[in-house]
Amino acid sequence: MKIFIFYVTMLLASTAVKAQEVTSAIPADNKPDTAKIFVAVEKDPSFQGGMQNFYSYLSQNLQYPAFAVKNRTEGKVYLTFIVEKDGSLSNVKAVRGISQEIDAEAIRVLQNSPKWTPGIQNRRAVRVQYTVPINFKLPPAAANTALNDTMPDDHSKIFTAVEQHPQFVGGVVSFYKYLGDNIHYPEKSRSRNIQGIVFLTFVVEKDGSLSDIKVVKSVADDIDAEALRVMKICPNWNPGMQNGRAVRVQYTVTVNFVLLAQTTAKDTVTFDQDKVFTAVEQDPSWPGGVQAFRQYFAENLNYPEKAKKDGLHGHVIVYFIVERDGSLSHIKVQKSLSPETDAEALRVINNCPKWIPGMQNGKPARVVFTLAVPFPLPSH
């Protein structure tokens, strides 16, 4: 009998005070098309039978290392791998580990995984970079029964994956608007130019209320407190559903605190007396939609040679304003990776065609937008 709880968790929602974060389909390097690795595709790769089967596979095969049990070692292992065109997994690595024993066990099980259904781009199978966090959690020392966090059998247990995810009433855009209307940038952090992303986790209860709200990744005490305050007064959500009934669901959101210029008490940015919105009724968008956006990056972004040689990988976070005519202004790097990757991300965004502007009260509005440009580690 297993004496541990483990589960795979994915960020069910990622939100920002300033704007939503977008990750485009960008191949990892300039190799021939057959070798390119995508980070976003038209149809994501998936475990045969869906994620519930994946959780079941992990539950049946993962073994909590005895040394880690003895030392009460817990935490998340973040694994990255490539789902190949034939569905096999390659280049399985721990990008953030817990201990040598736990990391090795997580890698072992992923390396022995059955083939997945490959990702699809332009109606053909492609190689796709994929990341999963696996949570190794021990039950209370007195517990001696098998526990499975993804398949609870009573009314008190918490799901980490469900058939229908919980959501803010009105959807993601309404959630952005709620955050934009209610979050105030703390003066202390504003004066010190402190910025960053707060990761919050909480339980969406069966009645839609939020409980057990915690900061799992901090920026600063006052920023963390503000993010917690706004989530604690949040209206009830639509609860998650499993087997036709409402269930308790663990949920994670990110709240991005970004200073762009002098701001008002309502956290609305002002340039030349012209308001810049952080949340609008209709978000700015790329002409032709998400697929055209991905295609633009796939055709124009080049992985800098120095970054490839150094094995550098990660994301460059860029923010900008989508103007009322769809042009982009105030393009800046918010989070750097390297001078070469930063310059390449800025080059491509500076050269992009005009967007469809955001709309507020039936009129085009200036909107802050944040973009995460991924530079995956090239495959060797």
Protein backbone atom coordinates (compact mmCIF):
# COMPACT_ATOMS: atom_id res chain seq x y z
CA MET A 1 0.00 0.00 0.00
CA LYS A 2 1.32 3.43 -0.83
CA ILE A 3 1.87 5.70 2.17
CA PHE A 4 2.07 8.97 0.34
CA ILE A 5 0.12 11.52 -1.58
CA PHE A 6 1.44 12.72 -4.89
CA TYR A 7 -0.22 14.61 -7.64
CA VAL A 8 0.50 16.49 -10.84
CA THR A 9 -0.51 20.12 -10.68
CA MET A 10 -0.71 22.58 -13.52
CA LEU A 11 -1.49 26.27 -13.26
CA LEU A 12 -5.20 26.16 -13.94
CA ALA A 13 -5.29 29.90 -14.49
CA SER A 14 -2.60 32.52 -14.91
CA THR A 15 -3.69 36.10 -14.45
CA ALA A 16 -1.96 39.44 -14.18
CA VAL A 17 -2.93 42.82 -12.83
CA LYS A 18 -1.52 44.46 -15.93
CA ALA A 19 -2.50 42.15 -18.75
CA GLN A 20 -2.64 38.52 -19.61
CA GLU A 21 0.57 36.68 -20.38
CA VAL A 22 0.81 35.12 -23.83
CA THR A 23 3.25 32.40 -24.90
CA SER A 24 3.59 31.92 -28.63
CA ALA A 25 4.51 28.94 -30.77
CA ILE A 26 8.20 29.52 -31.24
CA PRO A 27 10.56 26.82 -32.50
CA ALA A 28 13.65 26.38 -30.40
CA ASP A 29 16.23 27.06 -33.06
CA ASN A 30 16.97 27.47 -36.73
CA LYS A 31 17.30 23.76 -37.54
CA PRO A 32 15.30 22.23 -40.38
CA ASP A 33 11.56 22.06 -39.74
CA THR A 34 11.75 18.38 -38.81
CA ALA A 35 13.98 19.20 -35.84
CA LYS A 36 12.18 22.26 -34.52
CA ILE A 37 10.66 22.15 -31.08
CA PHE A 38 7.44 24.04 -30.46
CA VAL A 39 6.30 25.43 -27.12
CA ALA A 40 2.70 26.03 -28.24
CA VAL A 41 0.78 24.34 -31.04
CA GLU A 42 -2.68 24.16 -32.53
CA LYS A 43 -3.35 20.86 -30.74
CA ASP A 44 -1.38 20.09 -27.59
CA PRO A 45 0.16 16.67 -27.03
CA SER A 46 -1.72 14.53 -24.54
CA PHE A 47 -1.39 11.31 -22.60
CA GLN A 48 -3.38 8.46 -24.17
CA GLY A 49 -6.87 8.64 -22.67
CA GLY A 50 -6.42 12.14 -21.23
CA MET A 51 -4.99 13.64 -18.08
CA GLN A 52 -7.01 11.48 -15.69
CA ASN A 53 -5.28 8.45 -17.21
CA PHE A 54 -1.96 10.24 -16.78
CA TYR A 55 -2.68 10.80 -13.10
CA SER A 56 -3.64 7.15 -12.80
CA TYR A 57 -0.40 6.09 -14.49
CA LEU A 58 1.63 8.18 -12.05
CA SER A 59 -0.35 6.90 -9.07
CA GLN A 60 0.31 3.30 -10.04
CA ASN A 61 4.01 3.70 -10.82
CA LEU A 62 5.56 6.38 -8.63
CA GLN A 63 7.21 5.16 -5.45
CA TYR A 64 8.12 7.56 -2.67
CA PRO A 65 11.87 6.98 -2.03
CA ALA A 66 12.41 5.41 1.41
CA PHE A 67 15.16 7.90 2.27
CA ALA A 68 12.80 10.79 1.50
CA VAL A 69 10.02 9.21 3.59
CA LYS A 70 12.40 8.78 6.51
CA ASN A 71 13.46 12.42 6.30
CA ARG A 72 9.91 13.70 5.65
CA THR A 73 11.09 15.33 2.41
CA GLU A 74 8.23 16.92 0.43
CA GLY A 75 7.80 19.33 -2.45
CA LYS A 76 7.39 19.69 -6.20
CA VAL A 77 9.65 18.38 -8.93
CA TYR A 78 9.31 20.34 -12.17
CA LEU A 79 10.05 18.14 -15.18
CA THR A 80 10.48 19.23 -18.77
CA PHE A 81 10.56 16.94 -21.77
CA ILE A 82 9.90 16.77 -25.49
CA VAL A 83 6.90 14.92 -26.85
CA GLU A 84 8.30 13.59 -30.12
CA LYS A 85 6.38 13.23 -33.37
CA ASP A 86 5.81 9.54 -32.65
CA GLY A 87 4.53 10.31 -29.14
CA SER A 88 7.62 9.12 -27.29
CA LEU A 89 9.18 11.31 -24.61
CA SER A 90 12.78 12.51 -24.87
CA ASN A 91 15.16 14.82 -23.04
CA VAL A 92 13.37 14.32 -19.71
CA LYS A 93 14.98 16.62 -17.16
CA ALA A 94 14.27 18.05 -13.72
CA VAL A 95 14.39 21.82 -14.09
CA ARG A 96 13.62 22.36 -10.42
CA GLY A 97 14.16 19.52 -8.00
CA ILE A 98 13.65 18.53 -4.37
CA SER A 99 16.27 15.90 -3.66
CA GLN A 100 18.40 13.54 -5.69
CA GLU A 101 16.24 10.53 -4.81
CA ILE A 102 12.87 12.17 -5.52
CA ASP A 103 14.10 13.81 -8.73
CA ALA A 104 15.42 10.48 -10.00
CA GLU A 105 12.11 8.73 -9.25
CA ALA A 106 10.08 11.37 -11.09
CA ILE A 107 12.40 11.15 -14.10
CA ARG A 108 12.30 7.34 -14.05
CA VAL A 109 8.52 7.20 -14.26
CA LEU A 110 8.33 9.80 -17.05
CA GLN A 111 11.02 7.98 -19.04
CA ASN A 112 8.98 4.77 -18.79
CA SER A 113 5.73 6.49 -19.77
CA PRO A 114 3.68 5.00 -22.62
CA LYS A 115 3.67 7.02 -25.81
CA TRP A 116 1.56 10.16 -25.88
CA THR A 117 -0.62 11.52 -28.66
CA PRO A 118 1.77 13.99 -30.35
CA GLY A 119 1.16 17.70 -30.76
CA ILE A 120 -0.22 18.92 -34.09
CA GLN A 121 0.75 22.05 -36.03
CA ASN A 122 -0.51 22.74 -39.55
CA ARG A 123 -2.13 19.29 -39.56
CA ARG A 124 1.11 17.42 -38.96
CA ALA A 125 2.77 15.93 -35.89
CA VAL A 126 5.52 18.11 -34.44
CA ARG A 127 7.97 18.00 -31.54
CA VAL A 128 6.61 19.89 -28.52
CA GLN A 129 8.28 21.03 -25.30
CA TYR A 130 6.13 20.10 -22.30
CA THR A 131 6.44 20.75 -18.56
CA VAL A 132 4.72 19.10 -15.61
CA PRO A 133 5.20 19.62 -11.88
CA ILE A 134 4.86 16.49 -9.72
CA ASN A 135 4.05 17.07 -6.08
CA PHE A 136 5.47 14.63 -3.54
CA LYS A 137 3.52 15.04 -0.31
CA LEU A 138 3.56 12.80 2.73
CA PRO A 139 0.39 12.32 4.80
CA PRO A 140 0.42 12.79 8.59
CA ALA A 141 2.80 10.35 10.24
CA ALA A 142 -0.09 8.39 11.75
CA ALA A 143 -1.67 7.69 8.38
CA ASN A 144 -1.11 4.20 7.01
CA THR A 145 -3.63 3.97 4.21
CA ALA A 146 -3.25 4.57 0.49
CA LEU A 147 -4.22 8.09 -0.48
CA ASN A 148 -4.73 9.57 -3.92
CA ASP A 149 -5.17 13.33 -4.09
CA THR A 150 -6.71 13.33 -7.55
CA MET A 151 -9.45 10.79 -6.81
CA PRO A 152 -10.98 11.72 -3.44
CA ASP A 153 -13.77 9.51 -2.14
CA ASP A 154 -15.37 11.75 0.48
CA HIS A 155 -16.76 15.25 0.74
CA SER A 156 -13.72 16.82 2.41
CA LYS A 157 -10.96 15.93 -0.04
CA ILE A 158 -9.54 18.35 -2.55
CA PHE A 159 -9.14 17.70 -6.26
CA THR A 160 -6.21 18.98 -8.30
CA ALA A 161 -7.76 18.00 -11.63
CA VAL A 162 -11.45 17.86 -12.52
CA GLU A 163 -13.70 17.41 -15.52
CA GLN A 164 -14.81 21.05 -15.36
CA HIS A 165 -12.47 23.60 -13.83
CA PRO A 166 -13.77 26.26 -11.44
CA GLN A 167 -13.90 29.75 -12.89
CA PHE A 168 -14.59 33.34 -11.94
CA VAL A 169 -18.20 34.28 -12.77
CA GLY A 170 -18.12 35.89 -16.20
CA GLY A 171 -14.84 34.26 -17.21
CA VAL A 172 -11.20 35.29 -17.32
CA VAL A 173 -11.81 38.79 -18.72
CA SER A 174 -14.17 39.54 -15.83
CA PHE A 175 -11.52 38.29 -13.42
CA TYR A 176 -8.95 40.66 -14.96
CA LYS A 177 -11.41 43.50 -14.59
CA TYR A 178 -12.05 42.58 -10.95
CA LEU A 179 -8.32 42.65 -10.22
CA GLY A 180 -7.83 45.91 -12.14
CA ASP A 181 -10.66 47.58 -10.23
CA ASN A 182 -9.61 46.41 -6.77
CA ILE A 183 -5.85 46.00 -6.51
CA HIS A 184 -3.88 49.02 -5.32
CA TYR A 185 -0.12 49.13 -5.68
CA PRO A 186 1.36 49.44 -2.15
CA GLU A 187 3.10 52.81 -1.66
CA LYS A 188 6.17 51.32 -0.02
CA SER A 189 6.88 48.99 -2.93
CA ARG A 190 5.95 51.66 -5.45
CA SER A 191 8.48 54.09 -3.96
CA ARG A 192 11.18 51.41 -4.05
CA ASN A 193 10.26 50.32 -7.59
CA ILE A 194 9.58 46.76 -6.41
CA GLN A 195 7.87 44.65 -9.07
CA GLY A 196 7.15 40.99 -9.64
CA ILE A 197 4.66 38.15 -9.79
CA VAL A 198 2.86 36.81 -6.71
CA PHE A 199 1.81 33.15 -6.93
CA LEU A 200 -1.31 32.42 -4.90
CA THR A 201 -2.94 29.08 -4.21
CA PHE A 202 -6.39 28.51 -2.74
CA VAL A 203 -9.29 26.08 -2.65
CA VAL A 204 -12.45 26.82 -4.60
CA GLU A 205 -15.09 25.33 -2.35
CA LYS A 206 -18.24 23.52 -3.49
CA ASP A 207 -20.27 26.71 -2.99
CA GLY A 208 -17.76 28.75 -5.02
CA SER A 209 -16.19 30.54 -2.07
CA LEU A 210 -12.39 30.67 -1.74
CA SER A 211 -10.56 29.22 1.26
CA ASP A 212 -7.03 28.52 2.46
CA ILE A 213 -5.59 31.38 0.37
CA LYS A 214 -1.80 31.37 0.59
CA VAL A 215 1.21 32.93 -1.09
CA VAL A 216 3.44 30.23 -2.59
CA LYS A 217 5.87 32.61 -4.27
CA SER A 218 6.44 36.01 -2.71
CA VAL A 219 7.49 39.43 -4.05
CA ALA A 220 7.39 41.68 -0.98
CA ASP A 221 5.40 41.68 2.26
CA ASP A 222 3.13 44.57 1.29
CA ILE A 223 2.57 43.29 -2.27
CA ASP A 224 1.81 39.79 -0.99
CA ALA A 225 -0.65 41.24 1.53
CA GLU A 226 -2.44 43.22 -1.18
CA ALA A 227 -2.78 40.19 -3.43
CA LEU A 228 -4.16 38.18 -0.50
CA ARG A 229 -6.57 40.96 0.47
CA VAL A 230 -8.14 41.15 -2.97
CA MET A 231 -8.51 37.38 -3.29
CA LYS A 232 -10.08 37.15 0.19
CA ILE A 233 -12.84 39.61 -0.78
CA CYS A 234 -13.33 38.00 -4.19
CA PRO A 235 -16.93 37.10 -5.15
CA ASN A 236 -17.87 33.44 -5.26
CA TRP A 237 -16.68 31.48 -8.30
CA ASN A 238 -18.45 28.79 -10.29
CA PRO A 239 -17.23 25.62 -8.54
CA GLY A 240 -15.36 22.79 -10.20
CA MET A 241 -17.35 19.73 -11.25
CA GLN A 242 -16.48 16.03 -11.10
CA ASN A 243 -18.88 13.21 -11.94
CA GLY A 244 -21.73 15.70 -12.18
CA ARG A 245 -21.27 17.21 -8.73
CA ALA A 246 -19.54 20.25 -7.29
CA VAL A 247 -16.22 19.44 -5.61
CA ARG A 248 -13.44 21.26 -3.80
CA VAL A 249 -10.59 22.16 -6.18
CA GLN A 250 -7.05 23.43 -5.58
CA TYR A 251 -6.39 26.42 -7.82
CA THR A 252 -3.39 28.64 -8.53
CA VAL A 253 -3.25 32.15 -9.96
CA THR A 254 -0.43 34.60 -10.61
CA VAL A 255 -0.88 38.30 -9.96
CA ASN A 256 1.63 40.52 -11.74
CA PHE A 257 2.63 43.82 -10.14
CA VAL A 258 4.30 46.02 -12.76
CA LEU A 259 5.24 49.70 -12.53
CA LEU A 260 5.33 51.40 -15.90
CA ALA A 261 5.28 55.08 -15.00
CA GLN A 262 3.66 57.41 -12.49
CA THR A 263 0.41 55.79 -11.46
CA THR A 264 -2.80 56.92 -9.86
CA ALA A 265 -4.28 55.44 -6.73
CA LYS A 266 -6.41 53.22 -8.96
CA ASP A 267 -3.27 51.75 -10.53
CA THR A 268 -4.13 53.22 -13.95
CA VAL A 269 -1.00 54.25 -15.83
CA THR A 270 -0.77 57.68 -17.38
CA PHE A 271 1.45 58.81 -20.26
CA ASP A 272 1.03 62.36 -21.53
CA GLN A 273 -2.30 62.76 -19.73
CA ASP A 274 -3.74 59.81 -21.71
CA LYS A 275 -4.99 56.90 -19.63
CA VAL A 276 -3.65 53.45 -20.16
CA PHE A 277 -5.92 50.60 -19.11
CA THR A 278 -4.81 47.41 -17.42
CA ALA A 279 -8.13 45.64 -18.04
CA VAL A 280 -10.73 46.43 -20.71
CA GLU A 281 -14.03 45.06 -21.97
CA GLN A 282 -12.37 43.74 -25.13
CA ASP A 283 -8.68 42.86 -25.05
CA PRO A 284 -6.28 43.88 -27.83
CA SER A 285 -5.64 41.06 -30.27
CA TRP A 286 -3.44 40.06 -33.17
CA PRO A 287 -5.00 40.36 -36.66
CA GLY A 288 -5.96 36.87 -37.76
CA GLY A 289 -6.06 35.48 -34.23
CA VAL A 290 -3.76 33.34 -32.14
CA GLN A 291 -2.61 31.09 -34.97
CA ALA A 292 -1.45 34.05 -37.08
CA PHE A 293 0.32 35.41 -34.00
CA ARG A 294 2.16 32.14 -33.48
CA GLN A 295 3.08 31.96 -37.14
CA TYR A 296 4.59 35.45 -37.04
CA PHE A 297 6.90 34.49 -34.17
CA ALA A 298 7.76 31.11 -35.68
CA GLU A 299 8.88 32.82 -38.90
CA ASN A 300 10.68 35.81 -37.38
CA LEU A 301 12.25 34.92 -34.02
CA ASN A 302 15.84 33.67 -34.20
CA TYR A 303 17.55 31.94 -31.29
CA PRO A 304 20.78 33.93 -30.69
CA GLU A 305 23.87 31.85 -31.40
CA LYS A 306 25.57 32.83 -28.15
CA ALA A 307 22.51 31.77 -26.13
CA LYS A 308 22.45 28.41 -27.93
CA LYS A 309 26.17 27.91 -27.38
CA ASP A 310 25.81 28.71 -23.66
CA GLY A 311 22.79 26.42 -23.31
CA LEU A 312 20.72 29.40 -22.17
CA HIS A 313 16.97 28.97 -22.02
CA GLY A 314 13.96 30.59 -20.37
CA HIS A 315 11.57 33.46 -21.00
CA VAL A 316 12.01 37.13 -21.78
CA ILE A 317 9.06 39.03 -20.28
CA VAL A 318 8.22 42.09 -22.38
CA TYR A 319 5.54 44.68 -21.72
CA PHE A 320 4.19 47.35 -24.03
CA ILE A 321 1.16 49.50 -24.74
CA VAL A 322 -1.21 48.65 -27.56
CA GLU A 323 -2.21 52.10 -28.77
CA ARG A 324 -5.65 53.10 -30.01
CA ASP A 325 -4.52 52.71 -33.63
CA GLY A 326 -3.09 49.24 -32.91
CA SER A 327 0.55 50.28 -32.93
CA LEU A 328 2.83 49.29 -30.06
CA SER A 329 4.68 51.77 -27.85
CA HIS A 330 6.77 51.83 -24.65
CA ILE A 331 8.16 48.37 -25.47
CA LYS A 332 10.45 47.32 -22.63
CA VAL A 333 11.91 44.19 -21.08
CA GLN A 334 10.36 43.54 -17.69
CA LYS A 335 12.32 40.35 -16.94
CA SER A 336 15.61 39.71 -18.68
CA LEU A 337 17.16 36.43 -19.82
CA SER A 338 20.35 37.66 -21.51
CA PRO A 339 21.32 40.73 -23.55
CA GLU A 340 21.13 38.68 -26.77
CA THR A 341 17.72 37.09 -26.13
CA ASP A 342 16.33 40.38 -24.78
CA ALA A 343 17.44 42.21 -27.93
CA GLU A 344 15.93 39.53 -30.19
CA ALA A 345 12.58 39.59 -28.36
CA LEU A 346 12.47 43.39 -28.59
CA ARG A 347 13.44 43.31 -32.28
CA VAL A 348 10.61 41.00 -33.24
CA ILE A 349 8.00 42.87 -31.22
CA ASN A 350 9.18 46.25 -32.53
CA ASN A 351 8.79 44.96 -36.10
CA CYS A 352 5.37 43.38 -35.68
CA PRO A 353 2.35 44.70 -37.61
CA LYS A 354 -0.41 46.69 -35.94
CA TRP A 355 -2.76 44.92 -33.55
CA ILE A 356 -6.53 45.23 -33.19
CA PRO A 357 -6.81 47.73 -30.32
CA GLY A 358 -8.57 47.06 -27.03
CA MET A 359 -12.05 48.49 -26.54
CA GLN A 360 -13.58 50.20 -23.52
CA ASN A 361 -17.08 51.70 -23.52
CA GLY A 362 -17.28 51.12 -27.26
CA LYS A 363 -14.10 53.09 -28.00
CA PRO A 364 -10.50 52.07 -28.77
CA ALA A 365 -8.36 52.37 -25.65
CA ARG A 366 -4.67 52.28 -24.81
CA VAL A 367 -3.97 48.96 -23.06
CA VAL A 368 -0.93 47.57 -21.26
CA PHE A 369 0.00 44.11 -22.51
CA THR A 370 2.55 41.63 -21.16
CA LEU A 371 4.14 38.96 -23.32
CA ALA A 372 6.37 36.05 -22.32
CA VAL A 373 8.69 35.17 -25.21
CA PRO A 374 10.10 31.65 -24.66
CA PHE A 375 13.56 30.58 -25.66
CA PRO A 376 13.54 26.80 -25.04
CA LEU A 377 16.81 24.97 -24.67
CA PRO A 378 17.77 23.77 -28.16
CA SER A 379 17.81 20.02 -28.67
CA HIS A 380 21.21 18.49 -29.35
